[in-house]
């Protein structure tokens, strides 16, 4: 069963993901899924490198949730 996942990324990342998906002739969702499955097979946490990504920013997870729910 597939479900929708919304990601907030920099415009630069979005452009790179779109270019990669076009080169592979697939969707951005398929590229993301492939990445997660590959990382899972290696036994690594695919999100381990994201620790501290919000450091020094004026937004925390609660604020992100609030903004996302406000838009929907």
C-alpha atoms as a PDB file:
ATOM      1  CA  UNK A   1       0.000   0.000   0.000  1.00  0.00           C
ATOM      2  CA  UNK A   2       1.343   3.412  -0.926  1.00  0.00           C
ATOM      3  CA  UNK A   3       0.797   6.540   1.105  1.00  0.00           C
ATOM      4  CA  UNK A   4       1.610  10.203   0.554  1.00  0.00           C
ATOM      5  CA  UNK A   5       4.684  11.743   2.179  1.00  0.00           C
ATOM      6  CA  UNK A   6       5.348  15.474   2.074  1.00  0.00           C
ATOM      7  CA  UNK A   7       8.926  16.680   2.419  1.00  0.00           C
ATOM      8  CA  UNK A   8      10.180  20.207   2.959  1.00  0.00           C
ATOM      9  CA  UNK A   9      13.541  20.666   1.246  1.00  0.00           C
ATOM     10  CA  UNK A  10      15.610  23.512  -0.159  1.00  0.00           C
ATOM     11  CA  UNK A  11      14.856  24.439  -3.750  1.00  0.00           C
ATOM     12  CA  UNK A  12      18.381  23.277  -4.670  1.00  0.00           C
ATOM     13  CA  UNK A  13      17.641  19.768  -3.378  1.00  0.00           C
ATOM     14  CA  UNK A  14      14.346  19.699  -5.227  1.00  0.00           C
ATOM     15  CA  UNK A  15      16.086  20.591  -8.507  1.00  0.00           C
ATOM     16  CA  UNK A  16      18.723  17.903  -7.956  1.00  0.00           C
ATOM     17  CA  UNK A  17      16.080  15.293  -7.146  1.00  0.00           C
ATOM     18  CA  UNK A  18      14.109  16.218 -10.256  1.00  0.00           C
ATOM     19  CA  UNK A  19      17.222  16.029 -12.452  1.00  0.00           C
ATOM     20  CA  UNK A  20      18.193  12.656 -10.961  1.00  0.00           C
ATOM     21  CA  UNK A  21      14.701  11.258 -11.452  1.00  0.00           C
ATOM     22  CA  UNK A  22      14.680  12.400 -15.074  1.00  0.00           C
ATOM     23  CA  UNK A  23      18.084  10.784 -15.727  1.00  0.00           C
ATOM     24  CA  UNK A  24      16.765   7.538 -14.249  1.00  0.00           C
ATOM     25  CA  UNK A  25      13.428   7.923 -16.042  1.00  0.00           C
ATOM     26  CA  UNK A  26      11.504   7.497 -12.786  1.00  0.00           C
ATOM     27  CA  UNK A  27       9.697   9.594 -10.191  1.00  0.00           C
ATOM     28  CA  UNK A  28      11.204  11.480  -7.268  1.00  0.00           C
ATOM     29  CA  UNK A  29       9.180   9.193  -5.007  1.00  0.00           C
ATOM     30  CA  UNK A  30      10.845   6.145  -6.568  1.00  0.00           C
ATOM     31  CA  UNK A  31      14.304   7.709  -6.110  1.00  0.00           C
ATOM     32  CA  UNK A  32      13.543   8.419  -2.438  1.00  0.00           C
ATOM     33  CA  UNK A  33      12.169   4.905  -1.884  1.00  0.00           C
ATOM     34  CA  UNK A  34      15.215   3.371  -3.548  1.00  0.00           C
ATOM     35  CA  UNK A  35      17.508   5.425  -1.288  1.00  0.00           C
ATOM     36  CA  UNK A  36      15.699   4.341   1.884  1.00  0.00           C
ATOM     37  CA  UNK A  37      15.656   0.671   0.863  1.00  0.00           C
ATOM     38  CA  UNK A  38      19.365   0.767  -0.046  1.00  0.00           C
ATOM     39  CA  UNK A  39      20.284   2.349   3.294  1.00  0.00           C
ATOM     40  CA  UNK A  40      18.102  -0.160   5.131  1.00  0.00           C
ATOM     41  CA  UNK A  41      19.955  -3.066   3.467  1.00  0.00           C
ATOM     42  CA  UNK A  42      23.299  -1.655   4.586  1.00  0.00           C
ATOM     43  CA  UNK A  43      22.020  -1.484   8.161  1.00  0.00           C
ATOM     44  CA  UNK A  44      22.580   2.259   8.430  1.00  0.00           C
ATOM     45  CA  UNK A  45      20.055   4.755   9.689  1.00  0.00           C
ATOM     46  CA  UNK A  46      19.311   6.864   6.577  1.00  0.00           C
ATOM     47  CA  UNK A  47      18.500   9.859   8.750  1.00  0.00           C
ATOM     48  CA  UNK A  48      21.466   9.674  11.138  1.00  0.00           C
ATOM     49  CA  UNK A  49      23.208  12.510   9.298  1.00  0.00           C
ATOM     50  CA  UNK A  50      20.258  14.801   9.916  1.00  0.00           C
ATOM     51  CA  UNK A  51      21.076  15.246  13.603  1.00  0.00           C
ATOM     52  CA  UNK A  52      21.457  18.940  14.284  1.00  0.00           C
ATOM     53  CA  UNK A  53      19.984  20.019  10.955  1.00  0.00           C
ATOM     54  CA  UNK A  54      17.731  22.529  12.743  1.00  0.00           C
ATOM     55  CA  UNK A  55      20.483  23.916  14.971  1.00  0.00           C
ATOM     56  CA  UNK A  56      20.595  27.682  14.850  1.00  0.00           C
ATOM     57  CA  UNK A  57      17.244  27.919  13.075  1.00  0.00           C
ATOM     58  CA  UNK A  58      14.229  29.736  14.412  1.00  0.00           C
ATOM     59  CA  UNK A  59      11.976  26.736  13.790  1.00  0.00           C
ATOM     60  CA  UNK A  60      11.507  23.461  15.663  1.00  0.00           C
ATOM     61  CA  UNK A  61       9.466  20.367  14.802  1.00  0.00           C
ATOM     62  CA  UNK A  62       6.372  21.757  16.527  1.00  0.00           C
ATOM     63  CA  UNK A  63       6.531  24.941  14.426  1.00  0.00           C
ATOM     64  CA  UNK A  64       7.005  22.945  11.225  1.00  0.00           C
ATOM     65  CA  UNK A  65       3.936  20.833  12.047  1.00  0.00           C
ATOM     66  CA  UNK A  66       1.915  23.957  12.792  1.00  0.00           C
ATOM     67  CA  UNK A  67       2.852  25.516   9.455  1.00  0.00           C
ATOM     68  CA  UNK A  68       2.147  22.360   7.481  1.00  0.00           C
ATOM     69  CA  UNK A  69      -1.271  21.857   9.073  1.00  0.00           C
ATOM     70  CA  UNK A  70      -2.076  25.531   8.524  1.00  0.00           C
ATOM     71  CA  UNK A  71      -1.486  25.103   4.766  1.00  0.00           C
ATOM     72  CA  UNK A  72      -3.663  22.015   4.419  1.00  0.00           C
END
